[in-house]
Amino acid sequence: MSQTHPLTTTAFELPGYRVVKSFGVVRGIVVRSRSIIGNIGAGLQSIFGGNISLYTSLCERARDDAFNQMLTHAGQLGANAVLGVRYDATEIATGITEVLCYGTAVHVEPAG
């Protein structure tokens, strides 16, 4: 399954397609932490307020990696789409966060 597959949605159906097979839940899990140097840089950014770009980029990379792992898992099962995509995050320890991306892997065909 392509890492940029267009048949991935947070919805539970794809207009114009019908689900012909469901493979169940697929997921991608990433655990990340920021380095000491990164934490110092982010701390300096927080002094001035606003967006803390070091943490934003860390979060974006973690979500992207979890999403791509989920797509890989779906592709290994033979799916060509993932429905009901969701993200969840849990702080495992101070400064260490798990990012989970999950959904239902399905095989769809054009309707009609």
PDB file of N, CA and C in Angstrom:
ATOM      1  N   MET A   1       0.852  -1.182   0.000  1.00  0.00           N
ATOM      2  CA  MET A   1       0.000   0.000   0.000  1.00  0.00           C
ATOM      3  C   MET A   1       0.890   1.235   0.000  1.00  0.00           C
ATOM      4  N   SER A   2       0.628   2.142  -0.871  1.00  0.00           N
ATOM      5  CA  SER A   2       1.443   3.351  -0.983  1.00  0.00           C
ATOM      6  C   SER A   2       1.374   4.184   0.295  1.00  0.00           C
ATOM      7  N   GLN A   3       2.496   4.800   0.672  1.00  0.00           N
ATOM      8  CA  GLN A   3       2.542   5.622   1.880  1.00  0.00           C
ATOM      9  C   GLN A   3       1.693   6.887   1.743  1.00  0.00           C
ATOM     10  N   THR A   4       1.266   7.222   0.527  1.00  0.00           N
ATOM     11  CA  THR A   4       0.424   8.400   0.314  1.00  0.00           C
ATOM     12  C   THR A   4      -0.925   7.986  -0.258  1.00  0.00           C
ATOM     13  N   HIS A   5      -1.405   6.845   0.136  1.00  0.00           N
ATOM     14  CA  HIS A   5      -2.639   6.282  -0.410  1.00  0.00           C
ATOM     15  C   HIS A   5      -3.826   7.205  -0.158  1.00  0.00           C
ATOM     16  N   PRO A   6      -4.594   7.513  -1.216  1.00  0.00           N
ATOM     17  CA  PRO A   6      -5.723   8.429  -1.059  1.00  0.00           C
ATOM     18  C   PRO A   6      -6.940   7.810  -0.370  1.00  0.00           C
ATOM     19  N   LEU A   7      -6.979   6.496  -0.229  1.00  0.00           N
ATOM     20  CA  LEU A   7      -8.143   5.849   0.374  1.00  0.00           C
ATOM     21  C   LEU A   7      -7.935   5.635   1.865  1.00  0.00           C
ATOM     22  N   THR A   8      -7.604   6.710   2.537  1.00  0.00           N
ATOM     23  CA  THR A   8      -7.417   6.704   3.985  1.00  0.00           C
ATOM     24  C   THR A   8      -8.256   7.854   4.525  1.00  0.00           C
ATOM     25  N   THR A   9      -9.105   7.575   5.502  1.00  0.00           N
ATOM     26  CA  THR A   9     -10.027   8.596   5.976  1.00  0.00           C
ATOM     27  C   THR A   9     -10.371   8.411   7.449  1.00  0.00           C
ATOM     28  N   THR A  10     -10.775   9.496   8.074  1.00  0.00           N
ATOM     29  CA  THR A  10     -11.275   9.415   9.451  1.00  0.00           C
ATOM     30  C   THR A  10     -12.741   8.984   9.462  1.00  0.00           C
ATOM     31  N   ALA A  11     -13.380   9.018   8.314  1.00  0.00           N
ATOM     32  CA  ALA A  11     -14.773   8.591   8.206  1.00  0.00           C
ATOM     33  C   ALA A  11     -14.848   7.063   8.224  1.00  0.00           C
ATOM     34  N   PHE A  12     -16.065   6.554   8.350  1.00  0.00           N
ATOM     35  CA  PHE A  12     -16.251   5.105   8.393  1.00  0.00           C
ATOM     36  C   PHE A  12     -16.766   4.538   7.072  1.00  0.00           C
ATOM     37  N   GLU A  13     -16.782   5.390   6.057  1.00  0.00           N
ATOM     38  CA  GLU A  13     -17.129   4.951   4.710  1.00  0.00           C
ATOM     39  C   GLU A  13     -16.457   5.878   3.714  1.00  0.00           C
ATOM     40  N   LEU A  14     -16.285   5.382   2.502  1.00  0.00           N
ATOM     41  CA  LEU A  14     -15.691   6.169   1.417  1.00  0.00           C
ATOM     42  C   LEU A  14     -16.748   6.365   0.339  1.00  0.00           C
ATOM     43  N   PRO A  15     -17.198   7.590   0.132  1.00  0.00           N
ATOM     44  CA  PRO A  15     -18.194   7.828  -0.911  1.00  0.00           C
ATOM     45  C   PRO A  15     -17.688   7.322  -2.267  1.00  0.00           C
ATOM     46  N   GLY A  16     -18.550   6.589  -2.954  1.00  0.00           N
ATOM     47  CA  GLY A  16     -18.191   6.055  -4.257  1.00  0.00           C
ATOM     48  C   GLY A  16     -17.530   4.686  -4.210  1.00  0.00           C
ATOM     49  N   TYR A  17     -17.326   4.155  -3.001  1.00  0.00           N
ATOM     50  CA  TYR A  17     -16.694   2.841  -2.838  1.00  0.00           C
ATOM     51  C   TYR A  17     -17.535   1.980  -1.906  1.00  0.00           C
ATOM     52  N   ARG A  18     -17.390   0.688  -2.065  1.00  0.00           N
ATOM     53  CA  ARG A  18     -18.027  -0.237  -1.124  1.00  0.00           C
ATOM     54  C   ARG A  18     -16.961  -1.162  -0.550  1.00  0.00           C
ATOM     55  N   VAL A  19     -17.106  -1.470   0.721  1.00  0.00           N
ATOM     56  CA  VAL A  19     -16.166  -2.365   1.400  1.00  0.00           C
ATOM     57  C   VAL A  19     -16.525  -3.796   1.030  1.00  0.00           C
ATOM     58  N   VAL A  20     -15.543  -4.529   0.501  1.00  0.00           N
ATOM     59  CA  VAL A  20     -15.783  -5.931   0.140  1.00  0.00           C
ATOM     60  C   VAL A  20     -15.113  -6.888   1.116  1.00  0.00           C
ATOM     61  N   LYS A  21     -14.133  -6.386   1.888  1.00  0.00           N
ATOM     62  CA  LYS A  21     -13.492  -7.229   2.902  1.00  0.00           C
ATOM     63  C   LYS A  21     -12.887  -6.341   3.977  1.00  0.00           C
ATOM     64  N   SER A  22     -13.037  -6.791   5.220  1.00  0.00           N
ATOM     65  CA  SER A  22     -12.435  -6.075   6.343  1.00  0.00           C
ATOM     66  C   SER A  22     -11.335  -6.941   6.947  1.00  0.00           C
ATOM     67  N   PHE A  23     -10.206  -6.315   7.212  1.00  0.00           N
ATOM     68  CA  PHE A  23      -9.068  -7.037   7.788  1.00  0.00           C
ATOM     69  C   PHE A  23      -8.886  -6.746   9.270  1.00  0.00           C
ATOM     70  N   GLY A  24      -9.724  -5.882   9.822  1.00  0.00           N
ATOM     71  CA  GLY A  24      -9.634  -5.555  11.238  1.00  0.00           C
ATOM     72  C   GLY A  24      -8.749  -4.350  11.510  1.00  0.00           C
ATOM     73  N   VAL A  25      -8.436  -4.174  12.773  1.00  0.00           N
ATOM     74  CA  VAL A  25      -7.672  -3.009  13.219  1.00  0.00           C
ATOM     75  C   VAL A  25      -6.207  -3.131  12.815  1.00  0.00           C
ATOM     76  N   VAL A  26      -5.665  -2.020  12.307  1.00  0.00           N
ATOM     77  CA  VAL A  26      -4.239  -1.906  12.022  1.00  0.00           C
ATOM     78  C   VAL A  26      -3.717  -0.700  12.798  1.00  0.00           C
ATOM     79  N   ARG A  27      -2.421  -0.734  13.104  1.00  0.00           N
ATOM     80  CA  ARG A  27      -1.885   0.361  13.910  1.00  0.00           C
ATOM     81  C   ARG A  27      -0.416   0.600  13.612  1.00  0.00           C
ATOM     82  N   GLY A  28      -0.004   1.773  13.978  1.00  0.00           N
ATOM     83  CA  GLY A  28       1.401   2.143  13.959  1.00  0.00           C
ATOM     84  C   GLY A  28       1.710   2.805  15.281  1.00  0.00           C
ATOM     85  N   ILE A  29       2.798   2.415  15.930  1.00  0.00           N
ATOM     86  CA  ILE A  29       3.161   2.945  17.245  1.00  0.00           C
ATOM     87  C   ILE A  29       4.586   3.487  17.190  1.00  0.00           C
ATOM     88  N   VAL A  30       4.753   4.705  17.689  1.00  0.00           N
ATOM     89  CA  VAL A  30       6.064   5.340  17.762  1.00  0.00           C
ATOM     90  C   VAL A  30       6.240   5.885  19.170  1.00  0.00           C
ATOM     91  N   VAL A  31       7.402   5.670  19.751  1.00  0.00           N
ATOM     92  CA  VAL A  31       7.730   6.235  21.066  1.00  0.00           C
ATOM     93  C   VAL A  31       8.889   7.198  20.852  1.00  0.00           C
ATOM     94  N   ARG A  32       8.699   8.443  21.265  1.00  0.00           N
ATOM     95  CA  ARG A  32       9.700   9.477  21.009  1.00  0.00           C
ATOM     96  C   ARG A  32      10.022  10.259  22.268  1.00  0.00           C
ATOM     97  N   SER A  33      11.233  10.811  22.255  1.00  0.00           N
ATOM     98  CA  SER A  33      11.632  11.777  23.280  1.00  0.00           C
ATOM     99  C   SER A  33      12.498  12.824  22.605  1.00  0.00           C
ATOM    100  N   ARG A  34      12.567  13.969  23.191  1.00  0.00           N
ATOM    101  CA  ARG A  34      13.411  15.049  22.692  1.00  0.00           C
ATOM    102  C   ARG A  34      14.745  14.955  23.417  1.00  0.00           C
ATOM    103  N   SER A  35      15.826  15.237  22.725  1.00  0.00           N
ATOM    104  CA  SER A  35      17.149  15.220  23.347  1.00  0.00           C
ATOM    105  C   SER A  35      17.278  16.363  24.360  1.00  0.00           C
ATOM    106  N   ILE A  36      18.273  16.277  25.213  1.00  0.00           N
ATOM    107  CA  ILE A  36      18.535  17.348  26.189  1.00  0.00           C
ATOM    108  C   ILE A  36      18.745  18.671  25.461  1.00  0.00           C
ATOM    109  N   ILE A  37      19.512  18.641  24.373  1.00  0.00           N
ATOM    110  CA  ILE A  37      19.769  19.855  23.594  1.00  0.00           C
ATOM    111  C   ILE A  37      18.449  20.414  23.057  1.00  0.00           C
ATOM    112  N   GLY A  38      17.602  19.524  22.541  1.00  0.00           N
ATOM    113  CA  GLY A  38      16.299  19.958  22.031  1.00  0.00           C
ATOM    114  C   GLY A  38      15.429  20.553  23.112  1.00  0.00           C
ATOM    115  N   ASN A  39      15.467  19.951  24.307  1.00  0.00           N
ATOM    116  CA  ASN A  39      14.679  20.493  25.422  1.00  0.00           C
ATOM    117  C   ASN A  39      15.164  21.882  25.820  1.00  0.00           C
ATOM    118  N   ILE A  40      16.471  22.090  25.786  1.00  0.00           N
ATOM    119  CA  ILE A  40      17.015  23.413  26.104  1.00  0.00           C
ATOM    120  C   ILE A  40      16.551  24.426  25.060  1.00  0.00           C
ATOM    121  N   GLY A  41      16.640  24.045  23.778  1.00  0.00           N
ATOM    122  CA  GLY A  41      16.186  24.933  22.707  1.00  0.00           C
ATOM    123  C   GLY A  41      14.707  25.257  22.821  1.00  0.00           C
ATOM    124  N   ALA A  42      13.895  24.238  23.122  1.00  0.00           N
ATOM    125  CA  ALA A  42      12.457  24.460  23.287  1.00  0.00           C
ATOM    126  C   ALA A  42      12.193  25.336  24.507  1.00  0.00           C
ATOM    127  N   GLY A  43      12.984  25.136  25.571  1.00  0.00           N
ATOM    128  CA  GLY A  43      12.842  25.981  26.760  1.00  0.00           C
ATOM    129  C   GLY A  43      13.117  27.440  26.439  1.00  0.00           C
ATOM    130  N   LEU A  44      14.125  27.685  25.616  1.00  0.00           N
ATOM    131  CA  LEU A  44      14.421  29.059  25.201  1.00  0.00           C
ATOM    132  C   LEU A  44      13.284  29.634  24.366  1.00  0.00           C
ATOM    133  N   GLN A  45      12.715  28.814  23.469  1.00  0.00           N
ATOM    134  CA  GLN A  45      11.583  29.279  22.668  1.00  0.00           C
ATOM    135  C   GLN A  45      10.393  29.615  23.551  1.00  0.00           C
ATOM    136  N   SER A  46      10.185  28.836  24.630  1.00  0.00           N
ATOM    137  CA  SER A  46       9.025  29.066  25.492  1.00  0.00           C
ATOM    138  C   SER A  46       9.119  30.383  26.260  1.00  0.00           C
ATOM    139  N   ILE A  47      10.325  30.877  26.441  1.00  0.00           N
ATOM    140  CA  ILE A  47      10.495  32.164  27.124  1.00  0.00           C
ATOM    141  C   ILE A  47       9.799  33.275  26.341  1.00  0.00           C
ATOM    142  N   PHE A  48       9.850  33.177  25.017  1.00  0.00           N
ATOM    143  CA  PHE A  48       9.275  34.213  24.160  1.00  0.00           C
ATOM    144  C   PHE A  48       7.809  33.950  23.820  1.00  0.00           C
ATOM    145  N   GLY A  49       7.294  32.798  24.185  1.00  0.00           N
ATOM    146  CA  GLY A  49       5.890  32.470  23.932  1.00  0.00           C
ATOM    147  C   GLY A  49       5.653  32.054  22.488  1.00  0.00           C
ATOM    148  N   GLY A  50       4.414  31.720  22.191  1.00  0.00           N
ATOM    149  CA  GLY A  50       4.039  31.329  20.836  1.00  0.00           C
ATOM    150  C   GLY A  50       4.310  29.865  20.561  1.00  0.00           C
ATOM    151  N   ASN A  51       4.343  29.544  19.288  1.00  0.00           N
ATOM    152  CA  ASN A  51       4.556  28.165  18.851  1.00  0.00           C
ATOM    153  C   ASN A  51       5.981  27.718  19.186  1.00  0.00           C
ATOM    154  N   ILE A  52       6.102  26.565  19.786  1.00  0.00           N
ATOM    155  CA  ILE A  52       7.420  25.999  20.089  1.00  0.00           C
ATOM    156  C   ILE A  52       7.734  25.031  18.960  1.00  0.00           C
ATOM    157  N   SER A  53       8.406  25.542  17.933  1.00  0.00           N
ATOM    158  CA  SER A  53       8.599  24.804  16.686  1.00  0.00           C
ATOM    159  C   SER A  53       9.375  23.502  16.869  1.00  0.00           C
ATOM    160  N   LEU A  54      10.280  23.441  17.833  1.00  0.00           N
ATOM    161  CA  LEU A  54      11.029  22.189  18.051  1.00  0.00           C
ATOM    162  C   LEU A  54      10.087  21.058  18.468  1.00  0.00           C
ATOM    163  N   TYR A  55       9.135  21.365  19.337  1.00  0.00           N
ATOM    164  CA  TYR A  55       8.181  20.343  19.754  1.00  0.00           C
ATOM    165  C   TYR A  55       7.155  20.062  18.655  1.00  0.00           C
ATOM    166  N   THR A  56       6.779  21.097  17.918  1.00  0.00           N
ATOM    167  CA  THR A  56       5.831  20.899  16.820  1.00  0.00           C
ATOM    168  C   THR A  56       6.406  19.935  15.793  1.00  0.00           C
ATOM    169  N   SER A  57       7.661  20.134  15.409  1.00  0.00           N
ATOM    170  CA  SER A  57       8.267  19.247  14.407  1.00  0.00           C
ATOM    171  C   SER A  57       8.425  17.826  14.953  1.00  0.00           C
ATOM    172  N   LEU A  58       8.739  17.694  16.237  1.00  0.00           N
ATOM    173  CA  LEU A  58       8.836  16.371  16.850  1.00  0.00           C
ATOM    174  C   LEU A  58       7.482  15.654  16.783  1.00  0.00           C
ATOM    175  N   CYS A  59       6.416  16.364  17.123  1.00  0.00           N
ATOM    176  CA  CYS A  59       5.077  15.770  17.099  1.00  0.00           C
ATOM    177  C   CYS A  59       4.660  15.402  15.685  1.00  0.00           C
ATOM    178  N   GLU A  60       4.943  16.282  14.727  1.00  0.00           N
ATOM    179  CA  GLU A  60       4.587  15.992  13.337  1.00  0.00           C
ATOM    180  C   GLU A  60       5.319  14.759  12.820  1.00  0.00           C
ATOM    181  N   ARG A  61       6.599  14.640  13.133  1.00  0.00           N
ATOM    182  CA  ARG A  61       7.360  13.466  12.697  1.00  0.00           C
ATOM    183  C   ARG A  61       6.821  12.195  13.347  1.00  0.00           C
ATOM    184  N   ALA A  62       6.501  12.257  14.628  1.00  0.00           N
ATOM    185  CA  ALA A  62       5.979  11.080  15.325  1.00  0.00           C
ATOM    186  C   ALA A  62       4.648  10.645  14.724  1.00  0.00           C
ATOM    187  N   ARG A  63       3.754  11.596  14.457  1.00  0.00           N
ATOM    188  CA  ARG A  63       2.461  11.256  13.857  1.00  0.00           C
ATOM    189  C   ARG A  63       2.637  10.689  12.459  1.00  0.00           C
ATOM    190  N   ASP A  64       3.520  11.300  11.680  1.00  0.00           N
ATOM    191  CA  ASP A  64       3.767  10.832  10.320  1.00  0.00           C
ATOM    192  C   ASP A  64       4.339   9.412  10.330  1.00  0.00           C
ATOM    193  N   ASP A  65       5.286   9.148  11.212  1.00  0.00           N
ATOM    194  CA  ASP A  65       5.869   7.806  11.309  1.00  0.00           C
ATOM    195  C   ASP A  65       4.824   6.780  11.729  1.00  0.00           C
ATOM    196  N   ALA A  66       3.976   7.121  12.707  1.00  0.00           N
ATOM    197  CA  ALA A  66       2.929   6.197  13.156  1.00  0.00           C
ATOM    198  C   ALA A  66       1.925   5.941  12.035  1.00  0.00           C
ATOM    199  N   PHE A  67       1.561   6.989  11.295  1.00  0.00           N
ATOM    200  CA  PHE A  67       0.633   6.856  10.170  1.00  0.00           C
ATOM    201  C   PHE A  67       1.214   5.927   9.106  1.00  0.00           C
ATOM    202  N   ASN A  68       2.476   6.135   8.753  1.00  0.00           N
ATOM    203  CA  ASN A  68       3.122   5.295   7.735  1.00  0.00           C
ATOM    204  C   ASN A  68       3.252   3.848   8.193  1.00  0.00           C
ATOM    205  N   GLN A  69       3.516   3.628   9.471  1.00  0.00           N
ATOM    206  CA  GLN A  69       3.555   2.256   9.995  1.00  0.00           C
ATOM    207  C   GLN A  69       2.183   1.604   9.880  1.00  0.00           C
ATOM    208  N   MET A  70       1.125   2.375  10.170  1.00  0.00           N
ATOM    209  CA  MET A  70      -0.234   1.853  10.051  1.00  0.00           C
ATOM    210  C   MET A  70      -0.528   1.457   8.605  1.00  0.00           C
ATOM    211  N   LEU A  71      -0.147   2.317   7.647  1.00  0.00           N
ATOM    212  CA  LEU A  71      -0.362   1.996   6.234  1.00  0.00           C
ATOM    213  C   LEU A  71       0.410   0.752   5.816  1.00  0.00           C
ATOM    214  N   THR A  72       1.631   0.611   6.304  1.00  0.00           N
ATOM    215  CA  THR A  72       2.434  -0.577   5.995  1.00  0.00           C
ATOM    216  C   THR A  72       1.750  -1.829   6.535  1.00  0.00           C
ATOM    217  N   HIS A  73       1.264  -1.747   7.774  1.00  0.00           N
ATOM    218  CA  HIS A  73       0.551  -2.877   8.387  1.00  0.00           C
ATOM    219  C   HIS A  73      -0.675  -3.237   7.544  1.00  0.00           C
ATOM    220  N   ALA A  74      -1.438  -2.239   7.111  1.00  0.00           N
ATOM    221  CA  ALA A  74      -2.627  -2.486   6.291  1.00  0.00           C
ATOM    222  C   ALA A  74      -2.243  -3.145   4.963  1.00  0.00           C
ATOM    223  N   GLY A  75      -1.195  -2.636   4.343  1.00  0.00           N
ATOM    224  CA  GLY A  75      -0.744  -3.193   3.072  1.00  0.00           C
ATOM    225  C   GLY A  75      -0.302  -4.642   3.194  1.00  0.00           C
ATOM    226  N   GLN A  76       0.336  -4.977   4.309  1.00  0.00           N
ATOM    227  CA  GLN A  76       0.774  -6.360   4.534  1.00  0.00           C
ATOM    228  C   GLN A  76      -0.407  -7.317   4.627  1.00  0.00           C
ATOM    229  N   LEU A  77      -1.538  -6.809   5.072  1.00  0.00           N
ATOM    230  CA  LEU A  77      -2.741  -7.641   5.184  1.00  0.00           C
ATOM    231  C   LEU A  77      -3.501  -7.743   3.868  1.00  0.00           C
ATOM    232  N   GLY A  78      -3.161  -6.904   2.896  1.00  0.00           N
ATOM    233  CA  GLY A  78      -3.848  -6.909   1.611  1.00  0.00           C
ATOM    234  C   GLY A  78      -4.895  -5.828   1.465  1.00  0.00           C
ATOM    235  N   ALA A  79      -4.927  -4.884   2.387  1.00  0.00           N
ATOM    236  CA  ALA A  79      -5.907  -3.799   2.330  1.00  0.00           C
ATOM    237  C   ALA A  79      -5.497  -2.759   1.297  1.00  0.00           C
ATOM    238  N   ASN A  80      -6.503  -2.076   0.751  1.00  0.00           N
ATOM    239  CA  ASN A  80      -6.217  -0.954  -0.128  1.00  0.00           C
ATOM    240  C   ASN A  80      -6.798   0.350   0.408  1.00  0.00           C
ATOM    241  N   ALA A  81      -7.340   0.300   1.641  1.00  0.00           N
ATOM    242  CA  ALA A  81      -7.894   1.497   2.285  1.00  0.00           C
ATOM    243  C   ALA A  81      -7.890   1.300   3.791  1.00  0.00           C
ATOM    244  N   VAL A  82      -7.911   2.422   4.509  1.00  0.00           N
ATOM    245  CA  VAL A  82      -8.036   2.386   5.964  1.00  0.00           C
ATOM    246  C   VAL A  82      -9.115   3.389   6.358  1.00  0.00           C
ATOM    247  N   LEU A  83     -10.121   2.898   7.067  1.00  0.00           N
ATOM    248  CA  LEU A  83     -11.241   3.729   7.505  1.00  0.00           C
ATOM    249  C   LEU A  83     -11.141   4.018   8.995  1.00  0.00           C
ATOM    250  N   GLY A  84     -11.780   5.094   9.422  1.00  0.00           N
ATOM    251  CA  GLY A  84     -11.853   5.419  10.847  1.00  0.00           C
ATOM    252  C   GLY A  84     -10.504   5.705  11.472  1.00  0.00           C
ATOM    253  N   VAL A  85      -9.609   6.358  10.738  1.00  0.00           N
ATOM    254  CA  VAL A  85      -8.255   6.618  11.241  1.00  0.00           C
ATOM    255  C   VAL A  85      -8.304   7.564  12.437  1.00  0.00           C
ATOM    256  N   ARG A  86      -7.574   7.206  13.476  1.00  0.00           N
ATOM    257  CA  ARG A  86      -7.508   8.011  14.704  1.00  0.00           C
ATOM    258  C   ARG A  86      -6.076   8.037  15.214  1.00  0.00           C
ATOM    259  N   TYR A  87      -5.784   9.041  16.029  1.00  0.00           N
ATOM    260  CA  TYR A  87      -4.499   9.157  16.722  1.00  0.00           C
ATOM    261  C   TYR A  87      -4.748   9.180  18.214  1.00  0.00           C
ATOM    262  N   ASP A  88      -3.786   8.686  18.962  1.00  0.00           N
ATOM    263  CA  ASP A  88      -3.820   8.760  20.419  1.00  0.00           C
ATOM    264  C   ASP A  88      -2.386   8.954  20.872  1.00  0.00           C
ATOM    265  N   ALA A  89      -2.201   9.622  21.984  1.00  0.00           N
ATOM    266  CA  ALA A  89      -0.860   9.830  22.532  1.00  0.00           C
ATOM    267  C   ALA A  89      -0.907   9.638  24.038  1.00  0.00           C
ATOM    268  N   THR A  90       0.149   9.041  24.566  1.00  0.00           N
ATOM    269  CA  THR A  90       0.256   8.780  25.996  1.00  0.00           C
ATOM    270  C   THR A  90       1.662   9.119  26.448  1.00  0.00           C
ATOM    271  N   GLU A  91       1.770   9.850  27.538  1.00  0.00           N
ATOM    272  CA  GLU A  91       3.088  10.118  28.102  1.00  0.00           C
ATOM    273  C   GLU A  91       3.477   8.913  28.939  1.00  0.00           C
ATOM    274  N   ILE A  92       4.520   8.217  28.519  1.00  0.00           N
ATOM    275  CA  ILE A  92       4.979   7.011  29.203  1.00  0.00           C
ATOM    276  C   ILE A  92       5.813   7.376  30.424  1.00  0.00           C
ATOM    277  N   ALA A  93       6.663   8.354  30.266  1.00  0.00           N
ATOM    278  CA  ALA A  93       7.499   8.887  31.344  1.00  0.00           C
ATOM    279  C   ALA A  93       7.739  10.356  31.003  1.00  0.00           C
ATOM    280  N   THR A  94       8.307  11.098  31.913  1.00  0.00           N
ATOM    281  CA  THR A  94       8.564  12.503  31.655  1.00  0.00           C
ATOM    282  C   THR A  94       9.407  12.666  30.402  1.00  0.00           C
ATOM    283  N   GLY A  95       8.849  13.354  29.424  1.00  0.00           N
ATOM    284  CA  GLY A  95       9.569  13.606  28.180  1.00  0.00           C
ATOM    285  C   GLY A  95       9.547  12.481  27.172  1.00  0.00           C
ATOM    286  N   ILE A  96       8.830  11.382  27.472  1.00  0.00           N
ATOM    287  CA  ILE A  96       8.752  10.244  26.549  1.00  0.00           C
ATOM    288  C   ILE A  96       7.276   9.987  26.238  1.00  0.00           C
ATOM    289  N   THR A  97       6.945  10.077  24.953  1.00  0.00           N
ATOM    290  CA  THR A  97       5.551   9.970  24.546  1.00  0.00           C
ATOM    291  C   THR A  97       5.371   8.894  23.484  1.00  0.00           C
ATOM    292  N   GLU A  98       4.288   8.140  23.634  1.00  0.00           N
ATOM    293  CA  GLU A  98       3.889   7.154  22.637  1.00  0.00           C
ATOM    294  C   GLU A  98       2.829   7.799  21.757  1.00  0.00           C
ATOM    295  N   VAL A  99       2.966   7.650  20.450  1.00  0.00           N
ATOM    296  CA  VAL A  99       1.952   8.105  19.507  1.00  0.00           C
ATOM    297  C   VAL A  99       1.433   6.875  18.779  1.00  0.00           C
ATOM    298  N   LEU A 100       0.132   6.706  18.798  1.00  0.00           N
ATOM    299  CA  LEU A 100      -0.532   5.567  18.180  1.00  0.00           C
ATOM    300  C   LEU A 100      -1.448   6.077  17.077  1.00  0.00           C
ATOM    301  N   CYS A 101      -1.366   5.478  15.913  1.00  0.00           N
ATOM    302  CA  CYS A 101      -2.284   5.764  14.813  1.00  0.00           C
ATOM    303  C   CYS A 101      -2.958   4.438  14.470  1.00  0.00           C
ATOM    304  N   TYR A 102      -4.290   4.437  14.410  1.00  0.00           N
ATOM    305  CA  TYR A 102      -4.988   3.191  14.161  1.00  0.00           C
ATOM    306  C   TYR A 102      -6.243   3.414  13.324  1.00  0.00           C
ATOM    307  N   GLY A 103      -6.706   2.346  12.718  1.00  0.00           N
ATOM    308  CA  GLY A 103      -7.913   2.392  11.913  1.00  0.00           C
ATOM    309  C   GLY A 103      -8.293   0.979  11.505  1.00  0.00           C
ATOM    310  N   THR A 104      -9.305   0.878  10.662  1.00  0.00           N
ATOM    311  CA  THR A 104      -9.779  -0.414  10.177  1.00  0.00           C
ATOM    312  C   THR A 104      -9.307  -0.612   8.748  1.00  0.00           C
ATOM    313  N   ALA A 105      -8.513  -1.654   8.534  1.00  0.00           N
ATOM    314  CA  ALA A 105      -8.014  -1.970   7.198  1.00  0.00           C
ATOM    315  C   ALA A 105      -9.109  -2.692   6.413  1.00  0.00           C
ATOM    316  N   VAL A 106      -9.336  -2.235   5.200  1.00  0.00           N
ATOM    317  CA  VAL A 106     -10.391  -2.820   4.357  1.00  0.00           C
ATOM    318  C   VAL A 106      -9.927  -2.907   2.916  1.00  0.00           C
ATOM    319  N   HIS A 107     -10.625  -3.726   2.155  1.00  0.00           N
ATOM    320  CA  HIS A 107     -10.448  -3.731   0.699  1.00  0.00           C
ATOM    321  C   HIS A 107     -11.735  -3.146   0.133  1.00  0.00           C
ATOM    322  N   VAL A 108     -11.590  -2.089  -0.682  1.00  0.00           N
ATOM    323  CA  VAL A 108     -12.754  -1.436  -1.273  1.00  0.00           C
ATOM    324  C   VAL A 108     -12.707  -1.563  -2.783  1.00  0.00           C
ATOM    325  N   GLU A 109     -13.908  -1.479  -3.381  1.00  0.00           N
ATOM    326  CA  GLU A 109     -14.073  -1.448  -4.841  1.00  0.00           C
ATOM    327  C   GLU A 109     -14.985  -0.302  -5.187  1.00  0.00           C
ATOM    328  N   PRO A 110     -14.837   0.253  -6.371  1.00  0.00           N
ATOM    329  CA  PRO A 110     -15.761   1.316  -6.773  1.00  0.00           C
ATOM    330  C   PRO A 110     -17.209   0.817  -6.723  1.00  0.00           C
ATOM    331  N   ALA A 111     -18.104   1.640  -6.210  1.00  0.00           N
ATOM    332  CA  ALA A 111     -19.519   1.269  -6.126  1.00  0.00           C
ATOM    333  C   ALA A 111     -20.149   1.426  -7.496  1.00  0.00           C
ATOM    334  N   GLY A 112     -21.118   0.571  -7.756  1.00  0.00           N
ATOM    335  CA  GLY A 112     -21.898   0.695  -8.966  1.00  0.00           C
ATOM    336  C   GLY A 112     -21.261   0.216 -10.139  1.00  0.00           C
TER     337      GLY A 112
END
